Amino acid sequence: EVLSSNIANSDTPYYKAVDFDFKDAMTRAIGESESSMEMA
């Protein structure tokens, strides 16, 4: 959905393309954390 929104708005003035880090999102989704520096 995000990528298709970027493609659909390729001719829209001042549109800023967005994406997300899949690995980070998947890590958060399964509840694991690679970092020991999380905010408490």
Full PDB file with SEQRES, HELIX, SHEET, SSBOND, CRYST1, ORIGX, SCALE, CONECT and MASTER records, all heavy atoms in Angstrom:
SEQRES   1 A   40  GLU VAL LEU SER SER ASN ILE ALA ASN SER ASP THR PRO          
SEQRES   2 A   40  TYR TYR LYS ALA VAL ASP PHE ASP PHE LYS ASP ALA MET          
SEQRES   3 A   40  THR ARG ALA ILE GLY GLU SER GLU SER SER MET GLU MET          
SEQRES   4 A   40  ALA                                                          
HELIX    1 AA1 VAL A    2  ALA A    8  1                                   7    
HELIX    2 AA2 PHE A   22  ILE A   30  1                                   9    
CRYST1    1.000    1.000    1.000  90.00  90.00  90.00 P 1           1          
ORIGX1      1.000000  0.000000  0.000000        0.00000                         
ORIGX2      0.000000  1.000000  0.000000        0.00000                         
ORIGX3      0.000000  0.000000  1.000000        0.00000                         
SCALE1      1.000000  0.000000  0.000000        0.00000                         
SCALE2      0.000000  1.000000  0.000000        0.00000                         
SCALE3      0.000000  0.000000  1.000000        0.00000                         
ATOM      1  N   GLU A   1       0.830  -1.211   0.000  1.00  0.00           N  
ATOM      2  CA  GLU A   1       0.000   0.000   0.000  1.00  0.00           C  
ATOM      3  C   GLU A   1       0.866   1.264   0.000  1.00  0.00           C  
ATOM      4  O   GLU A   1       0.573   2.220  -0.723  1.00  0.00           O  
ATOM      5  CB  GLU A   1      -0.913   0.020   1.220  1.00  0.00           C  
ATOM      6  CG  GLU A   1      -1.996  -1.024   1.206  1.00  0.00           C  
ATOM      7  CD  GLU A   1      -2.806  -1.018   2.489  1.00  0.00           C  
ATOM      8  OE1 GLU A   1      -2.824   0.012   3.188  1.00  0.00           O  
ATOM      9  OE2 GLU A   1      -3.405  -2.056   2.793  1.00  0.00           O  
ATOM     10  N   VAL A   2       1.912   1.265   0.809  1.00  0.00           N  
ATOM     11  CA  VAL A   2       2.788   2.439   0.905  1.00  0.00           C  
ATOM     12  C   VAL A   2       3.486   2.685  -0.428  1.00  0.00           C  
ATOM     13  O   VAL A   2       3.519   3.814  -0.932  1.00  0.00           O  
ATOM     14  CB  VAL A   2       3.821   2.249   2.048  1.00  0.00           C  
ATOM     15  CG1 VAL A   2       4.897   3.321   1.992  1.00  0.00           C  
ATOM     16  CG2 VAL A   2       3.130   2.260   3.401  1.00  0.00           C  
ATOM     17  N   LEU A   3       4.034   1.621  -1.021  1.00  0.00           N  
ATOM     18  CA  LEU A   3       4.747   1.773  -2.291  1.00  0.00           C  
ATOM     19  C   LEU A   3       3.808   2.157  -3.427  1.00  0.00           C  
ATOM     20  O   LEU A   3       4.162   2.985  -4.273  1.00  0.00           O  
ATOM     21  CB  LEU A   3       5.499   0.479  -2.630  1.00  0.00           C  
ATOM     22  CG  LEU A   3       6.643   0.126  -1.675  1.00  0.00           C  
ATOM     23  CD1 LEU A   3       7.185  -1.258  -1.994  1.00  0.00           C  
ATOM     24  CD2 LEU A   3       7.744   1.165  -1.707  1.00  0.00           C  
ATOM     25  N   SER A   4       2.617   1.582  -3.438  1.00  0.00           N  
ATOM     26  CA  SER A   4       1.669   1.948  -4.490  1.00  0.00           C  
ATOM     27  C   SER A   4       1.184   3.387  -4.324  1.00  0.00           C  
ATOM     28  O   SER A   4       0.920   4.076  -5.311  1.00  0.00           O  
ATOM     29  CB  SER A   4       0.494   0.975  -4.544  1.00  0.00           C  
ATOM     30  OG  SER A   4      -0.194   0.959  -3.326  1.00  0.00           O  
ATOM     31  N   SER A   5       1.113   3.867  -3.089  1.00  0.00           N  
ATOM     32  CA  SER A   5       0.778   5.270  -2.856  1.00  0.00           C  
ATOM     33  C   SER A   5       1.873   6.178  -3.391  1.00  0.00           C  
ATOM     34  O   SER A   5       1.584   7.225  -3.986  1.00  0.00           O  
ATOM     35  CB  SER A   5       0.575   5.517  -1.361  1.00  0.00           C  
ATOM     36  OG  SER A   5       0.357   6.877  -1.118  1.00  0.00           O  
ATOM     37  N   ASN A   6       3.124   5.782  -3.203  1.00  0.00           N  
ATOM     38  CA  ASN A   6       4.237   6.553  -3.766  1.00  0.00           C  
ATOM     39  C   ASN A   6       4.138   6.614  -5.287  1.00  0.00           C  
ATOM     40  O   ASN A   6       4.304   7.674  -5.886  1.00  0.00           O  
ATOM     41  CB  ASN A   6       5.580   5.947  -3.366  1.00  0.00           C  
ATOM     42  CG  ASN A   6       5.907   6.155  -1.921  1.00  0.00           C  
ATOM     43  OD1 ASN A   6       5.312   6.986  -1.239  1.00  0.00           O  
ATOM     44  ND2 ASN A   6       6.861   5.395  -1.427  1.00  0.00           N  
ATOM     45  N   ILE A   7       3.863   5.473  -5.906  1.00  0.00           N  
ATOM     46  CA  ILE A   7       3.770   5.419  -7.371  1.00  0.00           C  
ATOM     47  C   ILE A   7       2.589   6.260  -7.859  1.00  0.00           C  
ATOM     48  O   ILE A   7       2.698   6.996  -8.836  1.00  0.00           O  
ATOM     49  CB  ILE A   7       3.658   3.953  -7.843  1.00  0.00           C  
ATOM     50  CG1 ILE A   7       4.982   3.227  -7.585  1.00  0.00           C  
ATOM     51  CG2 ILE A   7       3.289   3.872  -9.315  1.00  0.00           C  
ATOM     52  CD1 ILE A   7       4.934   1.728  -7.786  1.00  0.00           C  
ATOM     53  N   ALA A   8       1.464   6.170  -7.160  1.00  0.00           N  
ATOM     54  CA  ALA A   8       0.284   6.930  -7.565  1.00  0.00           C  
ATOM     55  C   ALA A   8       0.497   8.436  -7.456  1.00  0.00           C  
ATOM     56  O   ALA A   8      -0.098   9.206  -8.210  1.00  0.00           O  
ATOM     57  CB  ALA A   8      -0.921   6.516  -6.719  1.00  0.00           C  
ATOM     58  N   ASN A   9       1.353   8.855  -6.551  1.00  0.00           N  
ATOM     59  CA  ASN A   9       1.601  10.279  -6.345  1.00  0.00           C  
ATOM     60  C   ASN A   9       2.892  10.753  -7.011  1.00  0.00           C  
ATOM     61  O   ASN A   9       3.447  11.779  -6.615  1.00  0.00           O  
ATOM     62  CB  ASN A   9       1.655  10.590  -4.847  1.00  0.00           C  
ATOM     63  CG  ASN A   9       0.299  10.526  -4.220  1.00  0.00           C  
ATOM     64  OD1 ASN A   9      -0.586  11.305  -4.556  1.00  0.00           O  
ATOM     65  ND2 ASN A   9       0.111   9.580  -3.321  1.00  0.00           N  
ATOM     66  N   SER A  10       3.343  10.044  -8.011  1.00  0.00           N  
ATOM     67  CA  SER A  10       4.611  10.404  -8.653  1.00  0.00           C  
ATOM     68  C   SER A  10       4.550  11.754  -9.368  1.00  0.00           C  
ATOM     69  O   SER A  10       5.583  12.380  -9.589  1.00  0.00           O  
ATOM     70  CB  SER A  10       5.043   9.318  -9.642  1.00  0.00           C  
ATOM     71  OG  SER A  10       4.103   9.226 -10.694  1.00  0.00           O  
ATOM     72  N   ASP A  11       3.365  12.219  -9.737  1.00  0.00           N  
ATOM     73  CA  ASP A  11       3.211  13.504 -10.408  1.00  0.00           C  
ATOM     74  C   ASP A  11       2.622  14.585  -9.500  1.00  0.00           C  
ATOM     75  O   ASP A  11       2.340  15.687  -9.963  1.00  0.00           O  
ATOM     76  CB  ASP A  11       2.319  13.348 -11.646  1.00  0.00           C  
ATOM     77  CG  ASP A  11       2.984  12.517 -12.716  1.00  0.00           C  
ATOM     78  OD1 ASP A  11       4.230  12.547 -12.798  1.00  0.00           O  
ATOM     79  OD2 ASP A  11       2.265  11.822 -13.465  1.00  0.00           O  
ATOM     80  N   THR A  12       2.449  14.281  -8.227  1.00  0.00           N  
ATOM     81  CA  THR A  12       1.887  15.244  -7.294  1.00  0.00           C  
ATOM     82  C   THR A  12       2.993  16.191  -6.809  1.00  0.00           C  
ATOM     83  O   THR A  12       3.986  15.731  -6.251  1.00  0.00           O  
ATOM     84  CB  THR A  12       1.269  14.523  -6.078  1.00  0.00           C  
ATOM     85  OG1 THR A  12       0.312  13.585  -6.532  1.00  0.00           O  
ATOM     86  CG2 THR A  12       0.625  15.509  -5.121  1.00  0.00           C  
ATOM     87  N   PRO A  13       2.818  17.489  -7.020  1.00  0.00           N  
ATOM     88  CA  PRO A  13       3.850  18.435  -6.568  1.00  0.00           C  
ATOM     89  C   PRO A  13       4.053  18.378  -5.056  1.00  0.00           C  
ATOM     90  O   PRO A  13       3.094  18.257  -4.294  1.00  0.00           O  
ATOM     91  CB  PRO A  13       3.306  19.799  -6.973  1.00  0.00           C  
ATOM     92  CG  PRO A  13       2.323  19.508  -8.057  1.00  0.00           C  
ATOM     93  CD  PRO A  13       1.749  18.161  -7.743  1.00  0.00           C  
ATOM     94  N   TYR A  14       5.299  18.399  -4.625  1.00  0.00           N  
ATOM     95  CA  TYR A  14       5.728  18.421  -3.230  1.00  0.00           C  
ATOM     96  C   TYR A  14       5.382  17.149  -2.455  1.00  0.00           C  
ATOM     97  O   TYR A  14       5.441  17.146  -1.234  1.00  0.00           O  
ATOM     98  CB  TYR A  14       5.175  19.657  -2.500  1.00  0.00           C  
ATOM     99  CG  TYR A  14       5.609  20.937  -3.143  1.00  0.00           C  
ATOM    100  CD1 TYR A  14       4.704  21.682  -3.888  1.00  0.00           C  
ATOM    101  CD2 TYR A  14       6.914  21.379  -3.050  1.00  0.00           C  
ATOM    102  CE1 TYR A  14       5.098  22.850  -4.515  1.00  0.00           C  
ATOM    103  CE2 TYR A  14       7.320  22.543  -3.680  1.00  0.00           C  
ATOM    104  CZ  TYR A  14       6.406  23.282  -4.406  1.00  0.00           C  
ATOM    105  OH  TYR A  14       6.802  24.421  -5.020  1.00  0.00           O  
ATOM    106  N   TYR A  15       5.033  16.077  -3.162  1.00  0.00           N  
ATOM    107  CA  TYR A  15       4.791  14.806  -2.470  1.00  0.00           C  
ATOM    108  C   TYR A  15       6.136  14.206  -2.082  1.00  0.00           C  
ATOM    109  O   TYR A  15       7.072  14.163  -2.872  1.00  0.00           O  
ATOM    110  CB  TYR A  15       4.015  13.822  -3.361  1.00  0.00           C  
ATOM    111  CG  TYR A  15       3.772  12.495  -2.692  1.00  0.00           C  
ATOM    112  CD1 TYR A  15       2.732  12.339  -1.786  1.00  0.00           C  
ATOM    113  CD2 TYR A  15       4.600  11.407  -2.938  1.00  0.00           C  
ATOM    114  CE1 TYR A  15       2.508  11.130  -1.153  1.00  0.00           C  
ATOM    115  CE2 TYR A  15       4.387  10.193  -2.313  1.00  0.00           C  
ATOM    116  CZ  TYR A  15       3.342  10.061  -1.419  1.00  0.00           C  
ATOM    117  OH  TYR A  15       3.133   8.867  -0.782  1.00  0.00           O  
ATOM    118  N   LYS A  16       6.239  13.732  -0.868  1.00  0.00           N  
ATOM    119  CA  LYS A  16       7.465  13.122  -0.365  1.00  0.00           C  
ATOM    120  C   LYS A  16       7.259  11.615  -0.248  1.00  0.00           C  
ATOM    121  O   LYS A  16       6.348  11.154   0.441  1.00  0.00           O  
ATOM    122  CB  LYS A  16       7.847  13.686   1.006  1.00  0.00           C  
ATOM    123  CG  LYS A  16       7.951  15.201   1.056  1.00  0.00           C  
ATOM    124  CD  LYS A  16       9.031  15.711   0.152  1.00  0.00           C  
ATOM    125  CE  LYS A  16       9.133  17.212   0.246  1.00  0.00           C  
ATOM    126  NZ  LYS A  16       9.785  17.800  -0.885  1.00  0.00           N  
ATOM    127  N   ALA A  17       8.090  10.850  -0.952  1.00  0.00           N  
ATOM    128  CA  ALA A  17       7.990   9.394  -0.927  1.00  0.00           C  
ATOM    129  C   ALA A  17       8.325   8.865   0.467  1.00  0.00           C  
ATOM    130  O   ALA A  17       9.237   9.359   1.130  1.00  0.00           O  
ATOM    131  CB  ALA A  17       8.941   8.787  -1.954  1.00  0.00           C  
ATOM    132  N   VAL A  18       7.576   7.855   0.911  1.00  0.00           N  
ATOM    133  CA  VAL A  18       7.785   7.265   2.234  1.00  0.00           C  
ATOM    134  C   VAL A  18       7.955   5.755   2.106  1.00  0.00           C  
ATOM    135  O   VAL A  18       7.560   5.135   1.117  1.00  0.00           O  
ATOM    136  CB  VAL A  18       6.613   7.568   3.195  1.00  0.00           C  
ATOM    137  CG1 VAL A  18       6.555   9.038   3.532  1.00  0.00           C  
ATOM    138  CG2 VAL A  18       5.293   7.104   2.639  1.00  0.00           C  
ATOM    139  N   ASP A  19       8.551   5.171   3.102  1.00  0.00           N  
ATOM    140  CA  ASP A  19       8.729   3.725   3.192  1.00  0.00           C  
ATOM    141  C   ASP A  19       9.011   3.407   4.654  1.00  0.00           C  
ATOM    142  O   ASP A  19       9.096   4.315   5.482  1.00  0.00           O  
ATOM    143  CB  ASP A  19       9.883   3.266   2.290  1.00  0.00           C  
ATOM    144  CG  ASP A  19       9.810   1.781   1.942  1.00  0.00           C  
ATOM    145  OD1 ASP A  19       8.900   1.078   2.450  1.00  0.00           O  
ATOM    146  OD2 ASP A  19      10.647   1.312   1.163  1.00  0.00           O  
ATOM    147  N   PHE A  20       9.148   2.131   4.993  1.00  0.00           N  
ATOM    148  CA  PHE A  20       9.520   1.767   6.356  1.00  0.00           C  
ATOM    149  C   PHE A  20      10.509   0.619   6.310  1.00  0.00           C  
ATOM    150  O   PHE A  20      10.626  -0.097   5.318  1.00  0.00           O  
ATOM    151  CB  PHE A  20       8.305   1.434   7.224  1.00  0.00           C  
ATOM    152  CG  PHE A  20       7.510   0.230   6.773  1.00  0.00           C  
ATOM    153  CD1 PHE A  20       7.807  -1.030   7.246  1.00  0.00           C  
ATOM    154  CD2 PHE A  20       6.444   0.379   5.903  1.00  0.00           C  
ATOM    155  CE1 PHE A  20       7.065  -2.127   6.847  1.00  0.00           C  
ATOM    156  CE2 PHE A  20       5.694  -0.707   5.501  1.00  0.00           C  
ATOM    157  CZ  PHE A  20       6.009  -1.968   5.969  1.00  0.00           C  
ATOM    158  N   ASP A  21      11.241   0.481   7.392  1.00  0.00           N  
ATOM    159  CA  ASP A  21      12.231  -0.578   7.518  1.00  0.00           C  
ATOM    160  C   ASP A  21      11.498  -1.867   7.897  1.00  0.00           C  
ATOM    161  O   ASP A  21      11.004  -1.997   9.019  1.00  0.00           O  
ATOM    162  CB  ASP A  21      13.260  -0.198   8.574  1.00  0.00           C  
ATOM    163  CG  ASP A  21      14.359  -1.228   8.738  1.00  0.00           C  
ATOM    164  OD1 ASP A  21      14.505  -2.111   7.872  1.00  0.00           O  
ATOM    165  OD2 ASP A  21      15.086  -1.145   9.756  1.00  0.00           O  
ATOM    166  N   PHE A  22      11.435  -2.805   6.954  1.00  0.00           N  
ATOM    167  CA  PHE A  22      10.663  -4.030   7.177  1.00  0.00           C  
ATOM    168  C   PHE A  22      11.235  -4.839   8.336  1.00  0.00           C  
ATOM    169  O   PHE A  22      10.492  -5.372   9.156  1.00  0.00           O  
ATOM    170  CB  PHE A  22      10.625  -4.883   5.902  1.00  0.00           C  
ATOM    171  CG  PHE A  22       9.769  -6.101   6.047  1.00  0.00           C  
ATOM    172  CD1 PHE A  22       8.403  -6.020   5.872  1.00  0.00           C  
ATOM    173  CD2 PHE A  22      10.319  -7.328   6.376  1.00  0.00           C  
ATOM    174  CE1 PHE A  22       7.592  -7.131   6.030  1.00  0.00           C  
ATOM    175  CE2 PHE A  22       9.528  -8.448   6.530  1.00  0.00           C  
ATOM    176  CZ  PHE A  22       8.165  -8.351   6.353  1.00  0.00           C  
ATOM    177  N   LYS A  23      12.557  -4.926   8.403  1.00  0.00           N  
ATOM    178  CA  LYS A  23      13.186  -5.718   9.464  1.00  0.00           C  
ATOM    179  C   LYS A  23      12.833  -5.168  10.843  1.00  0.00           C  
ATOM    180  O   LYS A  23      12.477  -5.930  11.745  1.00  0.00           O  
ATOM    181  CB  LYS A  23      14.702  -5.730   9.278  1.00  0.00           C  
ATOM    182  CG  LYS A  23      15.433  -6.537  10.308  1.00  0.00           C  
ATOM    183  CD  LYS A  23      16.925  -6.487  10.099  1.00  0.00           C  
ATOM    184  CE  LYS A  23      17.636  -7.234  11.213  1.00  0.00           C  
ATOM    185  NZ  LYS A  23      19.078  -7.063  11.153  1.00  0.00           N  
ATOM    186  N   ASP A  24      12.908  -3.856  10.990  1.00  0.00           N  
ATOM    187  CA  ASP A  24      12.565  -3.234  12.266  1.00  0.00           C  
ATOM    188  C   ASP A  24      11.083  -3.442  12.594  1.00  0.00           C  
ATOM    189  O   ASP A  24      10.725  -3.754  13.733  1.00  0.00           O  
ATOM    190  CB  ASP A  24      12.897  -1.743  12.221  1.00  0.00           C  
ATOM    191  CG  ASP A  24      12.570  -1.046  13.517  1.00  0.00           C  
ATOM    192  OD1 ASP A  24      13.023  -1.523  14.580  1.00  0.00           O  
ATOM    193  OD2 ASP A  24      11.856  -0.019  13.481  1.00  0.00           O  
ATOM    194  N   ALA A  25      10.225  -3.281  11.594  1.00  0.00           N  
ATOM    195  CA  ALA A  25       8.788  -3.460  11.805  1.00  0.00           C  
ATOM    196  C   ALA A  25       8.468  -4.905  12.183  1.00  0.00           C  
ATOM    197  O   ALA A  25       7.635  -5.159  13.060  1.00  0.00           O  
ATOM    198  CB  ALA A  25       8.019  -3.059  10.552  1.00  0.00           C  
ATOM    199  N   MET A  26       9.135  -5.852  11.545  1.00  0.00           N  
ATOM    200  CA  MET A  26       8.895  -7.264  11.852  1.00  0.00           C  
ATOM    201  C   MET A  26       9.403  -7.604  13.250  1.00  0.00           C  
ATOM    202  O   MET A  26       8.761  -8.352  13.989  1.00  0.00           O  
ATOM    203  CB  MET A  26       9.569  -8.144  10.791  1.00  0.00           C  
ATOM    204  CG  MET A  26       9.160  -9.572  10.842  1.00  0.00           C  
ATOM    205  SD  MET A  26       7.420  -9.760  10.450  1.00  0.00           S  
ATOM    206  CE  MET A  26       7.112 -11.361  11.121  1.00  0.00           C  
ATOM    207  N   THR A  27      10.537  -7.037  13.615  1.00  0.00           N  
ATOM    208  CA  THR A  27      11.077  -7.257  14.956  1.00  0.00           C  
ATOM    209  C   THR A  27      10.103  -6.752  16.018  1.00  0.00           C  
ATOM    210  O   THR A  27       9.847  -7.424  17.009  1.00  0.00           O  
ATOM    211  CB  THR A  27      12.433  -6.545  15.113  1.00  0.00           C  
ATOM    212  OG1 THR A  27      13.331  -7.039  14.129  1.00  0.00           O  
ATOM    213  CG2 THR A  27      13.029  -6.779  16.486  1.00  0.00           C  
ATOM    214  N   ARG A  28       9.527  -5.578  15.781  1.00  0.00           N  
ATOM    215  CA  ARG A  28       8.545  -5.042  16.726  1.00  0.00           C  
ATOM    216  C   ARG A  28       7.267  -5.879  16.726  1.00  0.00           C  
ATOM    217  O   ARG A  28       6.645  -6.081  17.762  1.00  0.00           O  
ATOM    218  CB  ARG A  28       8.205  -3.602  16.387  1.00  0.00           C  
ATOM    219  CG  ARG A  28       9.303  -2.628  16.694  1.00  0.00           C  
ATOM    220  CD  ARG A  28       8.824  -1.211  16.420  1.00  0.00           C  
ATOM    221  NE  ARG A  28       9.865  -0.237  16.582  1.00  0.00           N  
ATOM    222  CZ  ARG A  28      10.211   0.308  17.734  1.00  0.00           C  
ATOM    223  NH1 ARG A  28       9.598  -0.049  18.832  1.00  0.00           N  
ATOM    224  NH2 ARG A  28      11.177   1.204  17.792  1.00  0.00           N  
ATOM    225  N   ALA A  29       6.872  -6.380  15.550  1.00  0.00           N  
ATOM    226  CA  ALA A  29       5.631  -7.155  15.452  1.00  0.00           C  
ATOM    227  C   ALA A  29       5.714  -8.469  16.211  1.00  0.00           C  
ATOM    228  O   ALA A  29       4.736  -8.907  16.813  1.00  0.00           O  
ATOM    229  CB  ALA A  29       5.283  -7.410  13.994  1.00  0.00           C  
ATOM    230  N   ILE A  30       6.870  -9.116  16.188  1.00  0.00           N  
ATOM    231  CA  ILE A  30       6.988 -10.397  16.886  1.00  0.00           C  
ATOM    232  C   ILE A  30       7.412 -10.223  18.335  1.00  0.00           C  
ATOM    233  O   ILE A  30       7.522 -11.188  19.073  1.00  0.00           O  
ATOM    234  CB  ILE A  30       7.932 -11.373  16.152  1.00  0.00           C  
ATOM    235  CG1 ILE A  30       9.335 -10.802  16.000  1.00  0.00           C  
ATOM    236  CG2 ILE A  30       7.355 -11.768  14.821  1.00  0.00           C  
ATOM    237  CD1 ILE A  30      10.332 -11.759  15.382  1.00  0.00           C  
ATOM    238  N   GLY A  31       7.664  -8.954  18.717  1.00  0.00           N  
ATOM    239  CA  GLY A  31       7.917  -8.681  20.126  1.00  0.00           C  
ATOM    240  C   GLY A  31       9.339  -8.892  20.566  1.00  0.00           C  
ATOM    241  O   GLY A  31       9.614  -8.949  21.750  1.00  0.00           O  
ATOM    242  N   GLU A  32      10.262  -9.017  19.650  1.00  0.00           N  
ATOM    243  CA  GLU A  32      11.662  -9.170  20.007  1.00  0.00           C  
ATOM    244  C   GLU A  32      12.348  -7.825  19.868  1.00  0.00           C  
ATOM    245  O   GLU A  32      11.907  -6.960  19.139  1.00  0.00           O  
ATOM    246  CB  GLU A  32      12.350 -10.184  19.094  1.00  0.00           C  
ATOM    247  CG  GLU A  32      11.831 -11.576  19.240  1.00  0.00           C  
ATOM    248  CD  GLU A  32      12.503 -12.543  18.298  1.00  0.00           C  
ATOM    249  OE1 GLU A  32      13.404 -12.129  17.558  1.00  0.00           O  
ATOM    250  OE2 GLU A  32      12.128 -13.712  18.310  1.00  0.00           O  
ATOM    251  N   SER A  33      13.444  -7.685  20.533  1.00  0.00           N  
ATOM    252  CA  SER A  33      14.213  -6.452  20.423  1.00  0.00           C  
ATOM    253  C   SER A  33      15.676  -6.795  20.253  1.00  0.00           C  
ATOM    254  O   SER A  33      16.229  -7.591  21.002  1.00  0.00           O  
ATOM    255  CB  SER A  33      14.007  -5.593  21.663  1.00  0.00           C  
ATOM    256  OG  SER A  33      14.812  -4.451  21.587  1.00  0.00           O  
ATOM    257  N   GLU A  34      16.300  -6.198  19.265  1.00  0.00           N  
ATOM    258  CA  GLU A  34      17.720  -6.423  19.044  1.00  0.00           C  
ATOM    259  C   GLU A  34      18.554  -5.475  19.883  1.00  0.00           C  
ATOM    260  O   GLU A  34      19.719  -5.688  20.096  1.00  0.00           O  
ATOM    261  CB  GLU A  34      18.059  -6.216  17.570  1.00  0.00           C  
ATOM    262  CG  GLU A  34      17.463  -7.247  16.667  1.00  0.00           C  
ATOM    263  CD  GLU A  34      17.837  -7.017  15.227  1.00  0.00           C  
ATOM    264  OE1 GLU A  34      18.394  -5.955  14.898  1.00  0.00           O  
ATOM    265  OE2 GLU A  34      17.601  -7.923  14.428  1.00  0.00           O  
ATOM    266  N   SER A  35      17.969  -4.409  20.330  1.00  0.00           N  
ATOM    267  CA  SER A  35      18.707  -3.380  21.030  1.00  0.00           C  
ATOM    268  C   SER A  35      18.507  -3.499  22.530  1.00  0.00           C  
ATOM    269  O   SER A  35      17.411  -3.740  23.006  1.00  0.00           O  
ATOM    270  CB  SER A  35      18.238  -1.997  20.565  1.00  0.00           C  
ATOM    271  OG  SER A  35      18.849  -0.997  21.343  1.00  0.00           O  
ATOM    272  N   SER A  36      19.578  -3.320  23.254  1.00  0.00           N  
ATOM    273  CA  SER A  36      19.467  -3.281  24.707  1.00  0.00           C  
ATOM    274  C   SER A  36      19.353  -1.841  25.187  1.00  0.00           C  
ATOM    275  O   SER A  36      19.394  -1.575  26.367  1.00  0.00           O  
ATOM    276  CB  SER A  36      20.690  -3.951  25.334  1.00  0.00           C  
ATOM    277  OG  SER A  36      21.858  -3.250  24.958  1.00  0.00           O  
ATOM    278  N   MET A  37      19.230  -0.899  24.243  1.00  0.00           N  
ATOM    279  CA  MET A  37      19.189   0.518  24.551  1.00  0.00           C  
ATOM    280  C   MET A  37      17.770   1.070  24.453  1.00  0.00           C  
ATOM    281  O   MET A  37      17.575   2.223  24.128  1.00  0.00           O  
ATOM    282  CB  MET A  37      20.100   1.287  23.597  1.00  0.00           C  
ATOM    283  CG  MET A  37      21.521   0.816  23.576  1.00  0.00           C  
ATOM    284  SD  MET A  37      22.541   1.554  24.829  1.00  0.00           S  
ATOM    285  CE  MET A  37      22.418   3.262  24.442  1.00  0.00           C  
ATOM    286  N   GLU A  38      16.768   0.271  24.704  1.00  0.00           N  
ATOM    287  CA  GLU A  38      15.402   0.743  24.621  1.00  0.00           C  
ATOM    288  C   GLU A  38      15.099   1.718  25.747  1.00  0.00           C  
ATOM    289  O   GLU A  38      15.660   1.625  26.834  1.00  0.00           O  
ATOM    290  CB  GLU A  38      14.433  -0.437  24.707  1.00  0.00           C  
ATOM    291  CG  GLU A  38      14.439  -1.287  23.471  1.00  0.00           C  
ATOM    292  CD  GLU A  38      13.352  -2.337  23.528  1.00  0.00           C  
ATOM    293  OE1 GLU A  38      12.314  -2.106  24.174  1.00  0.00           O  
ATOM    294  OE2 GLU A  38      13.546  -3.386  22.937  1.00  0.00           O  
ATOM    295  N   MET A  39      14.192   2.642  25.469  1.00  0.00           N  
ATOM    296  CA  MET A  39      13.793   3.595  26.487  1.00  0.00           C  
ATOM    297  C   MET A  39      12.884   2.913  27.504  1.00  0.00           C  
ATOM    298  O   MET A  39      12.019   2.128  27.142  1.00  0.00           O  
ATOM    299  CB  MET A  39      13.050   4.772  25.855  1.00  0.00           C  
ATOM    300  CG  MET A  39      13.923   5.621  24.994  1.00  0.00           C  
ATOM    301  SD  MET A  39      13.166   7.172  24.542  1.00  0.00           S  
ATOM    302  CE  MET A  39      11.831   6.647  23.521  1.00  0.00           C  
ATOM    303  N   ALA A  40      13.100   3.239  28.751  1.00  0.00           N  
ATOM    304  CA  ALA A  40      12.275   2.697  29.815  1.00  0.00           C  
ATOM    305  C   ALA A  40      11.189   3.714  30.153  1.00  0.00           C  
ATOM    306  O   ALA A  40      11.473   4.904  30.290  1.00  0.00           O  
ATOM    307  CB  ALA A  40      13.121   2.397  31.042  1.00  0.00           C  
TER     308      ALA A  40                                                      
MASTER        0    0    0    2    0    0    0    6  307    1    0    4          
END                                                                             
